[in-house]
PDB file of N, CA and C in Angstrom:
ATOM      1  N   MET A   1      29.277  75.186 121.277  1.00  0.00           N
ATOM      2  CA  MET A   1      29.957  75.850 122.727  1.00  0.00           C
ATOM      3  C   MET A   1      28.872  77.133 122.432  1.00  0.00           C
ATOM      4  N   THR A   2      29.050  76.907 121.189  1.00  0.00           N
ATOM      5  CA  THR A   2      28.034  78.364 120.460  1.00  0.00           C
ATOM      6  C   THR A   2      26.640  78.578 120.363  1.00  0.00           C
ATOM      7  N   LYS A   3      25.854  76.522 120.318  1.00  0.00           N
ATOM      8  CA  LYS A   3      24.267  77.127 120.928  1.00  0.00           C
ATOM      9  C   LYS A   3      24.463  77.601 122.379  1.00  0.00           C
ATOM     10  N   LEU A   4      24.864  77.094 123.094  1.00  0.00           N
ATOM     11  CA  LEU A   4      25.306  77.425 124.436  1.00  0.00           C
ATOM     12  C   LEU A   4      24.877  79.020 124.717  1.00  0.00           C
ATOM     13  N   ASN A   5      26.084  79.879 123.761  1.00  0.00           N
ATOM     14  CA  ASN A   5      26.204  81.169 124.350  1.00  0.00           C
ATOM     15  C   ASN A   5      25.357  81.642 123.477  1.00  0.00           C
ATOM     16  N   ILE A   6      24.027  80.750 122.385  1.00  0.00           N
ATOM     17  CA  ILE A   6      22.899  81.625 121.677  1.00  0.00           C
ATOM     18  C   ILE A   6      22.374  81.453 122.980  1.00  0.00           C
ATOM     19  N   ILE A   7      21.270  80.150 122.628  1.00  0.00           N
ATOM     20  CA  ILE A   7      20.805  80.153 124.564  1.00  0.00           C
ATOM     21  C   ILE A   7      20.842  81.561 125.741  1.00  0.00           C
ATOM     22  N   LEU A   8      21.490  81.273 125.806  1.00  0.00           N
ATOM     23  CA  LEU A   8      22.331  81.833 126.954  1.00  0.00           C
ATOM     24  C   LEU A   8      22.030  83.838 126.652  1.00  0.00           C
ATOM     25  N   PHE A   9      22.302  83.887 124.891  1.00  0.00           N
ATOM     26  CA  PHE A   9      22.440  85.694 124.574  1.00  0.00           C
ATOM     27  C   PHE A   9      20.963  85.838 124.723  1.00  0.00           C
ATOM     28  N   LEU A  10      19.655  84.612 124.277  1.00  0.00           N
ATOM     29  CA  LEU A  10      18.688  84.635 123.912  1.00  0.00           C
ATOM     30  C   LEU A  10      17.759  84.363 125.156  1.00  0.00           C
ATOM     31  N   VAL A  11      17.859  84.051 126.156  1.00  0.00           N
ATOM     32  CA  VAL A  11      17.267  84.401 127.815  1.00  0.00           C
ATOM     33  C   VAL A  11      18.294  86.027 128.671  1.00  0.00           C
ATOM     34  N   LEU A  12      19.541  85.894 128.286  1.00  0.00           N
ATOM     35  CA  LEU A  12      19.360  87.087 128.344  1.00  0.00           C
ATOM     36  C   LEU A  12      19.200  88.729 127.858  1.00  0.00           C
ATOM     37  N   ILE A  13      19.013  88.145 127.061  1.00  0.00           N
ATOM     38  CA  ILE A  13      18.048  88.895 125.530  1.00  0.00           C
ATOM     39  C   ILE A  13      16.524  89.489 126.274  1.00  0.00           C
ATOM     40  N   LEU A  14      15.815  88.111 126.989  1.00  0.00           N
ATOM     41  CA  LEU A  14      14.631  87.516 126.662  1.00  0.00           C
ATOM     42  C   LEU A  14      14.016  88.419 128.629  1.00  0.00           C
ATOM     43  N   THR A  15      15.523  88.603 129.450  1.00  0.00           N
ATOM     44  CA  THR A  15      14.642  88.820 131.030  1.00  0.00           C
ATOM     45  C   THR A  15      15.266  90.076 131.036  1.00  0.00           C
ATOM     46  N   ALA A  16      15.965  91.098 130.264  1.00  0.00           N
ATOM     47  CA  ALA A  16      16.138  92.178 129.917  1.00  0.00           C
ATOM     48  C   ALA A  16      15.154  92.873 129.357  1.00  0.00           C
ATOM     49  N   LEU A  17      14.729  92.121 128.510  1.00  0.00           N
ATOM     50  CA  LEU A  17      12.877  92.586 128.589  1.00  0.00           C
ATOM     51  C   LEU A  17      12.027  93.052 129.167  1.00  0.00           C
ATOM     52  N   GLY A  18      12.061  91.951 130.099  1.00  0.00           N
ATOM     53  CA  GLY A  18      10.846  91.830 131.427  1.00  0.00           C
ATOM     54  C   GLY A  18      11.386  92.558 132.103  1.00  0.00           C
ATOM     55  N   VAL A  19      13.173  92.724 132.399  1.00  0.00           N
ATOM     56  CA  VAL A  19      13.143  94.067 133.046  1.00  0.00           C
ATOM     57  C   VAL A  19      13.059  95.242 133.146  1.00  0.00           C
ATOM     58  N   VAL A  20      12.480  95.395 131.838  1.00  0.00           N
ATOM     59  CA  VAL A  20      11.810  96.500 131.634  1.00  0.00           C
ATOM     60  C   VAL A  20      10.535  97.001 131.308  1.00  0.00           C
ATOM     61  N   ALA A  21      10.055  95.609 130.979  1.00  0.00           N
ATOM     62  CA  ALA A  21       8.496  95.936 131.428  1.00  0.00           C
ATOM     63  C   ALA A  21       7.908  95.869 132.469  1.00  0.00           C
ATOM     64  N   ALA A  22       8.477  95.334 133.167  1.00  0.00           N
ATOM     65  CA  ALA A  22       8.629  95.545 134.699  1.00  0.00           C
ATOM     66  C   ALA A  22       8.652  97.061 135.286  1.00  0.00           C
ATOM     67  N   GLN A  23       9.503  97.164 134.972  1.00  0.00           N
ATOM     68  CA  GLN A  23      10.009  99.056 135.668  1.00  0.00           C
ATOM     69  C   GLN A  23       8.684  99.679 135.016  1.00  0.00           C
ATOM     70  N   HIS A  24       8.238  99.880 134.069  1.00  0.00           N
ATOM     71  CA  HIS A  24       7.667 100.160 133.012  1.00  0.00           C
ATOM     72  C   HIS A  24       6.315 100.273 134.098  1.00  0.00           C
ATOM     73  N   GLN A  25       5.189  99.046 134.238  1.00  0.00           N
ATOM     74  CA  GLN A  25       4.542  98.860 134.390  1.00  0.00           C
ATOM     75  C   GLN A  25       4.176  99.460 136.518  1.00  0.00           C
ATOM     76  N   SER A  26       5.846  99.235 137.327  1.00  0.00           N
ATOM     77  CA  SER A  26       5.867  99.716 138.163  1.00  0.00           C
ATOM     78  C   SER A  26       5.535 101.390 138.164  1.00  0.00           C
ATOM     79  N   ARG A  27       6.664 101.804 136.826  1.00  0.00           N
ATOM     80  CA  ARG A  27       6.036 103.194 136.363  1.00  0.00           C
ATOM     81  C   ARG A  27       4.319 103.965 136.359  1.00  0.00           C
ATOM     82  N   LYS A  28       4.042 103.064 135.889  1.00  0.00           N
ATOM     83  CA  LYS A  28       2.539 103.458 135.393  1.00  0.00           C
ATOM     84  C   LYS A  28       1.174 103.069 136.998  1.00  0.00           C
ATOM     85  N   LEU A  29       2.227 101.957 137.349  1.00  0.00           N
ATOM     86  CA  LEU A  29       1.550 101.665 138.567  1.00  0.00           C
ATOM     87  C   LEU A  29       1.153 103.357 139.778  1.00  0.00           C
ATOM     88  N   TYR A  30       2.771 103.886 139.581  1.00  0.00           N
ATOM     89  CA  TYR A  30       2.974 104.713 141.093  1.00  0.00           C
ATOM     90  C   TYR A  30       1.961 105.537 140.110  1.00  0.00           C
ATOM     91  N   PHE A  31       2.312 105.642 139.411  1.00  0.00           N
ATOM     92  CA  PHE A  31       1.821 107.128 138.761  1.00  0.00           C
ATOM     93  C   PHE A  31       0.177 107.390 138.450  1.00  0.00           C
ATOM     94  N   GLU A  32      -1.312 106.207 138.902  1.00  0.00           N
ATOM     95  CA  GLU A  32      -2.176 105.976 139.579  1.00  0.00           C
ATOM     96  C   GLU A  32      -2.170 106.204 140.188  1.00  0.00           C
ATOM     97  N   LEU A  33      -1.437 105.717 141.624  1.00  0.00           N
ATOM     98  CA  LEU A  33      -1.316 105.712 142.727  1.00  0.00           C
ATOM     99  C   LEU A  33      -1.471 107.196 143.655  1.00  0.00           C
ATOM    100  N   GLN A  34      -0.712 107.720 142.923  1.00  0.00           N
ATOM    101  CA  GLN A  34       0.239 109.301 143.507  1.00  0.00           C
ATOM    102  C   GLN A  34      -1.254 109.948 142.548  1.00  0.00           C
ATOM    103  N   GLN A  35      -2.100 109.756 141.388  1.00  0.00           N
ATOM    104  CA  GLN A  35      -3.211 110.309 141.238  1.00  0.00           C
ATOM    105  C   GLN A  35      -4.725 110.392 141.837  1.00  0.00           C
ATOM    106  N   SER A  36      -4.355 108.972 141.797  1.00  0.00           N
ATOM    107  CA  SER A  36      -5.763 108.393 143.427  1.00  0.00           C
ATOM    108  C   SER A  36      -5.202 109.191 143.916  1.00  0.00           C
ATOM    109  N   GLN A  37      -4.482 109.645 145.067  1.00  0.00           N
ATOM    110  CA  GLN A  37      -3.981 110.019 146.492  1.00  0.00           C
ATOM    111  C   GLN A  37      -4.313 111.844 146.932  1.00  0.00           C
ATOM    112  N   GLU A  38      -4.221 111.983 145.395  1.00  0.00           N
ATOM    113  CA  GLU A  38      -4.862 113.418 145.015  1.00  0.00           C
ATOM    114  C   GLU A  38      -6.212 114.348 144.759  1.00  0.00           C
ATOM    115  N   ALA A  39      -5.689 112.259 144.456  1.00  0.00           N
ATOM    116  CA  ALA A  39      -8.298 112.536 143.798  1.00  0.00           C
ATOM    117  C   ALA A  39      -8.971 112.271 145.586  1.00  0.00           C
ATOM    118  N   ALA A  40      -7.837 111.886 146.534  1.00  0.00           N
ATOM    119  CA  ALA A  40      -8.632 110.817 147.608  1.00  0.00           C
ATOM    120  C   ALA A  40      -8.476 112.597 148.701  1.00  0.00           C
ATOM    121  N   LYS A  41      -8.191 113.341 148.050  1.00  0.00           N
ATOM    122  CA  LYS A  41      -7.259 114.613 149.542  1.00  0.00           C
ATOM    123  C   LYS A  41      -8.729 115.604 149.037  1.00  0.00           C
ATOM    124  N   GLN A  42      -8.685 115.633 147.799  1.00  0.00           N
ATOM    125  CA  GLN A  42      -9.334 116.695 146.608  1.00  0.00           C
ATOM    126  C   GLN A  42     -10.694 116.004 147.364  1.00  0.00           C
ATOM    127  N   TYR A  43     -11.421 114.826 147.378  1.00  0.00           N
ATOM    128  CA  TYR A  43     -13.088 114.371 148.326  1.00  0.00           C
ATOM    129  C   TYR A  43     -12.498 114.617 149.765  1.00  0.00           C
ATOM    130  N   GLU A  44     -11.268 114.623 150.256  1.00  0.00           N
ATOM    131  CA  GLU A  44     -11.508 115.191 151.530  1.00  0.00           C
ATOM    132  C   GLU A  44     -11.982 116.617 152.076  1.00  0.00           C
ATOM    133  N   ILE A  45     -11.327 117.887 150.800  1.00  0.00           N
ATOM    134  CA  ILE A  45     -11.397 118.342 151.091  1.00  0.00           C
ATOM    135  C   ILE A  45     -13.052 118.944 150.653  1.00  0.00           C
ATOM    136  N   GLU A  46     -12.839 118.287 149.745  1.00  0.00           N
ATOM    137  CA  GLU A  46     -14.909 119.283 149.581  1.00  0.00           C
ATOM    138  C   GLU A  46     -15.688 118.501 150.578  1.00  0.00           C
ATOM    139  N   TRP A  47     -15.454 117.200 151.033  1.00  0.00           N
ATOM    140  CA  TRP A  47     -15.894 116.625 151.663  1.00  0.00           C
ATOM    141  C   TRP A  47     -16.248 117.203 153.587  1.00  0.00           C
ATOM    142  N   GLY A  48     -15.201 117.887 154.114  1.00  0.00           N
ATOM    143  CA  GLY A  48     -14.810 119.279 154.396  1.00  0.00           C
ATOM    144  C   GLY A  48     -16.154 120.651 154.818  1.00  0.00           C
ATOM    145  N   GLN A  49     -16.210 121.128 153.397  1.00  0.00           N
ATOM    146  CA  GLN A  49     -16.537 122.223 152.760  1.00  0.00           C
ATOM    147  C   GLN A  49     -17.786 121.414 152.528  1.00  0.00           C
ATOM    148  N   LEU A  50     -18.606 120.430 153.071  1.00  0.00           N
ATOM    149  CA  LEU A  50     -19.967 119.918 152.580  1.00  0.00           C
ATOM    150  C   LEU A  50     -20.288 120.422 154.064  1.00  0.00           C
ATOM    151  N   GLN A  51     -20.037 119.132 154.427  1.00  0.00           N
ATOM    152  CA  GLN A  51     -19.986 119.441 156.160  1.00  0.00           C
ATOM    153  C   GLN A  51     -20.361 121.398 157.212  1.00  0.00           C
ATOM    154  N   LEU A  52     -19.374 121.420 156.423  1.00  0.00           N
ATOM    155  CA  LEU A  52     -19.435 122.968 156.316  1.00  0.00           C
ATOM    156  C   LEU A  52     -20.405 123.635 155.705  1.00  0.00           C
ATOM    157  N   GLU A  53     -21.089 123.618 155.405  1.00  0.00           N
ATOM    158  CA  GLU A  53     -21.936 124.258 154.266  1.00  0.00           C
ATOM    159  C   GLU A  53     -22.985 123.538 154.649  1.00  0.00           C
ATOM    160  N   GLN A  54     -23.642 122.029 155.506  1.00  0.00           N
ATOM    161  CA  GLN A  54     -25.013 121.861 156.210  1.00  0.00           C
ATOM    162  C   GLN A  54     -24.871 122.061 157.423  1.00  0.00           C
ATOM    163  N   SER A  55     -24.101 122.604 158.205  1.00  0.00           N
ATOM    164  CA  SER A  55     -23.624 122.948 159.111  1.00  0.00           C
ATOM    165  C   SER A  55     -24.094 124.988 158.905  1.00  0.00           C
ATOM    166  N   THR A  56     -24.393 125.316 158.206  1.00  0.00           N
ATOM    167  CA  THR A  56     -24.325 126.891 158.086  1.00  0.00           C
ATOM    168  C   THR A  56     -25.840 126.812 157.863  1.00  0.00           C
ATOM    169  N   TRP A  57     -26.347 126.191 156.698  1.00  0.00           N
ATOM    170  CA  TRP A  57     -27.976 125.828 156.218  1.00  0.00           C
ATOM    171  C   TRP A  57     -28.493 124.817 157.636  1.00  0.00           C
ATOM    172  N   ALA A  58     -28.267 124.702 158.278  1.00  0.00           N
ATOM    173  CA  ALA A  58     -29.184 124.138 159.788  1.00  0.00           C
ATOM    174  C   ALA A  58     -28.846 125.137 160.891  1.00  0.00           C
ATOM    175  N   MET A  59     -27.930 126.358 160.754  1.00  0.00           N
ATOM    176  CA  MET A  59     -28.406 127.022 161.742  1.00  0.00           C
ATOM    177  C   MET A  59     -29.936 127.330 161.968  1.00  0.00           C
ATOM    178  N   HIS A  60     -29.976 127.357 163.619  1.00  0.00           N
ATOM    179  CA  HIS A  60     -31.392 128.135 164.598  1.00  0.00           C
ATOM    180  C   HIS A  60     -31.609 128.954 163.719  1.00  0.00           C
ATOM    181  N   SER A  61     -30.678 129.751 163.330  1.00  0.00           N
ATOM    182  CA  SER A  61     -31.170 130.841 162.728  1.00  0.00           C
ATOM    183  C   SER A  61     -31.406 131.897 161.374  1.00  0.00           C
ATOM    184  N   ARG A  62     -30.347 130.929 160.390  1.00  0.00           N
ATOM    185  CA  ARG A  62     -31.184 130.344 159.410  1.00  0.00           C
ATOM    186  C   ARG A  62     -32.772 129.544 159.132  1.00  0.00           C
ATOM    187  N   LEU A  63     -32.735 129.015 159.718  1.00  0.00           N
ATOM    188  CA  LEU A  63     -33.772 127.682 159.762  1.00  0.00           C
ATOM    189  C   LEU A  63     -35.384 129.279 160.307  1.00  0.00           C
ATOM    190  N   GLU A  64     -35.340 130.123 161.064  1.00  0.00           N
ATOM    191  CA  GLU A  64     -36.309 131.107 162.146  1.00  0.00           C
ATOM    192  C   GLU A  64     -36.002 132.333 160.505  1.00  0.00           C
ATOM    193  N   GLN A  65     -35.200 132.791 160.129  1.00  0.00           N
ATOM    194  CA  GLN A  65     -35.039 132.853 158.602  1.00  0.00           C
ATOM    195  C   GLN A  65     -35.974 132.817 157.388  1.00  0.00           C
ATOM    196  N   VAL A  66     -35.523 132.037 157.013  1.00  0.00           N
ATOM    197  CA  VAL A  66     -36.492 130.904 155.992  1.00  0.00           C
ATOM    198  C   VAL A  66     -37.597 131.150 156.886  1.00  0.00           C
ATOM    199  N   ALA A  67     -38.305 130.234 157.682  1.00  0.00           N
ATOM    200  CA  ALA A  67     -39.561 130.854 157.851  1.00  0.00           C
ATOM    201  C   ALA A  67     -40.387 131.883 158.430  1.00  0.00           C
ATOM    202  N   GLY A  68     -40.231 132.735 158.478  1.00  0.00           N
ATOM    203  CA  GLY A  68     -40.282 134.428 158.234  1.00  0.00           C
ATOM    204  C   GLY A  68     -40.598 134.666 157.216  1.00  0.00           C
ATOM    205  N   GLN A  69     -39.346 134.169 156.631  1.00  0.00           N
ATOM    206  CA  GLN A  69     -38.972 135.006 154.565  1.00  0.00           C
ATOM    207  C   GLN A  69     -39.730 133.807 154.214  1.00  0.00           C
ATOM    208  N   PHE A  70     -39.394 133.238 153.790  1.00  0.00           N
ATOM    209  CA  PHE A  70     -40.505 132.522 152.378  1.00  0.00           C
ATOM    210  C   PHE A  70     -41.632 131.523 152.612  1.00  0.00           C
ATOM    211  N   LEU A  71     -41.901 131.117 154.271  1.00  0.00           N
ATOM    212  CA  LEU A  71     -43.318 130.374 154.751  1.00  0.00           C
ATOM    213  C   LEU A  71     -44.018 131.173 155.852  1.00  0.00           C
ATOM    214  N   HIS A  72     -43.701 132.806 156.045  1.00  0.00           N
ATOM    215  CA  HIS A  72     -44.643 133.931 156.242  1.00  0.00           C
ATOM    216  C   HIS A  72     -44.399 133.528 157.939  1.00  0.00           C
ATOM    217  N   MET A  73     -44.043 132.497 158.460  1.00  0.00           N
ATOM    218  CA  MET A  73     -44.260 132.004 159.622  1.00  0.00           C
ATOM    219  C   MET A  73     -44.150 133.021 160.913  1.00  0.00           C
ATOM    220  N   GLN A  74     -44.315 132.899 161.877  1.00  0.00           N
ATOM    221  CA  GLN A  74     -43.466 133.834 162.980  1.00  0.00           C
ATOM    222  C   GLN A  74     -43.564 133.146 164.721  1.00  0.00           C
ATOM    223  N   VAL A  75     -42.949 134.058 165.950  1.00  0.00           N
ATOM    224  CA  VAL A  75     -43.594 132.326 166.751  1.00  0.00           C
ATOM    225  C   VAL A  75     -44.794 132.768 167.456  1.00  0.00           C
ATOM    226  N   PRO A  76     -45.135 131.894 167.824  1.00  0.00           N
ATOM    227  CA  PRO A  76     -46.352 132.724 168.924  1.00  0.00           C
ATOM    228  C   PRO A  76     -46.114 132.988 170.145  1.00  0.00           C
ATOM    229  N   ASP A  77     -47.230 134.229 170.792  1.00  0.00           N
ATOM    230  CA  ASP A  77     -46.507 134.990 171.817  1.00  0.00           C
ATOM    231  C   ASP A  77     -46.951 133.532 173.273  1.00  0.00           C
ATOM    232  N   SER A  78     -46.411 134.248 174.149  1.00  0.00           N
ATOM    233  CA  SER A  78     -46.293 133.442 175.285  1.00  0.00           C
ATOM    234  C   SER A  78     -47.517 132.553 175.898  1.00  0.00           C
ATOM    235  N   LYS A  79     -48.645 134.067 175.654  1.00  0.00           N
ATOM    236  CA  LYS A  79     -49.926 133.329 175.836  1.00  0.00           C
ATOM    237  C   LYS A  79     -50.383 132.277 174.826  1.00  0.00           C
ATOM    238  N   ARG A  80     -50.192 131.695 174.047  1.00  0.00           N
ATOM    239  CA  ARG A  80     -50.758 131.377 172.832  1.00  0.00           C
ATOM    240  C   ARG A  80     -49.998 130.016 173.347  1.00  0.00           C
ATOM    241  N   ILE A  81     -48.784 129.448 174.616  1.00  0.00           N
ATOM    242  CA  ILE A  81     -47.869 128.040 174.135  1.00  0.00           C
ATOM    243  C   ILE A  81     -48.528 127.564 175.127  1.00  0.00           C
ATOM    244  N   GLN A  82     -48.331 126.531 175.149  1.00  0.00           N
ATOM    245  CA  GLN A  82     -49.250 125.419 175.496  1.00  0.00           C
ATOM    246  C   GLN A  82     -47.849 123.614 175.980  1.00  0.00           C
ATOM    247  N   ILE A  83     -47.563 124.003 177.098  1.00  0.00           N
ATOM    248  CA  ILE A  83     -46.501 122.627 176.604  1.00  0.00           C
ATOM    249  C   ILE A  83     -47.345 121.038 177.554  1.00  0.00           C
ATOM    250  N   VAL A  84     -47.176 120.312 177.265  1.00  0.00           N
ATOM    251  CA  VAL A  84     -47.333 119.517 176.912  1.00  0.00           C
ATOM    252  C   VAL A  84     -46.686 118.087 177.260  1.00  0.00           C
ATOM    253  N   VAL A  85     -47.745 117.384 178.685  1.00  0.00           N
ATOM    254  CA  VAL A  85     -46.066 116.945 178.833  1.00  0.00           C
ATOM    255  C   VAL A  85     -47.007 114.923 178.725  1.00  0.00           C
ATOM    256  N   PRO A  86     -46.337 114.461 178.875  1.00  0.00           N
ATOM    257  CA  PRO A  86     -45.847 112.511 178.045  1.00  0.00           C
ATOM    258  C   PRO A  86     -46.383 111.996 179.079  1.00  0.00           C
ATOM    259  N   ASP A  87     -47.779 111.460 179.140  1.00  0.00           N
ATOM    260  CA  ASP A  87     -48.222 110.432 180.213  1.00  0.00           C
ATOM    261  C   ASP A  87     -46.828 109.333 180.620  1.00  0.00           C
ATOM    262  N   ASN A  88     -46.107 108.593 181.745  1.00  0.00           N
ATOM    263  CA  ASN A  88     -45.603 108.366 181.417  1.00  0.00           C
ATOM    264  C   ASN A  88     -46.503 105.998 181.633  1.00  0.00           C
TER     265      ASN A  88
END
């Protein structure tokens, strides 16, 4: 009877250690999940900011300003503009 009690006691201890290890692993994985979700939120915010910045840099007025200031380009007068009709 004492052998059976010792075996059951050891099984109980091993099971308790398994439960503790599983809970620890679960908490660790949950913490990593929270960190990953927070990083994903930050990436979403950064992505939105980059899209806004891209749309700002690609605005027609910005392109005209850069072309005029840095490339010394200007819009030709209407007499010099020719419209080319494509052949179908």
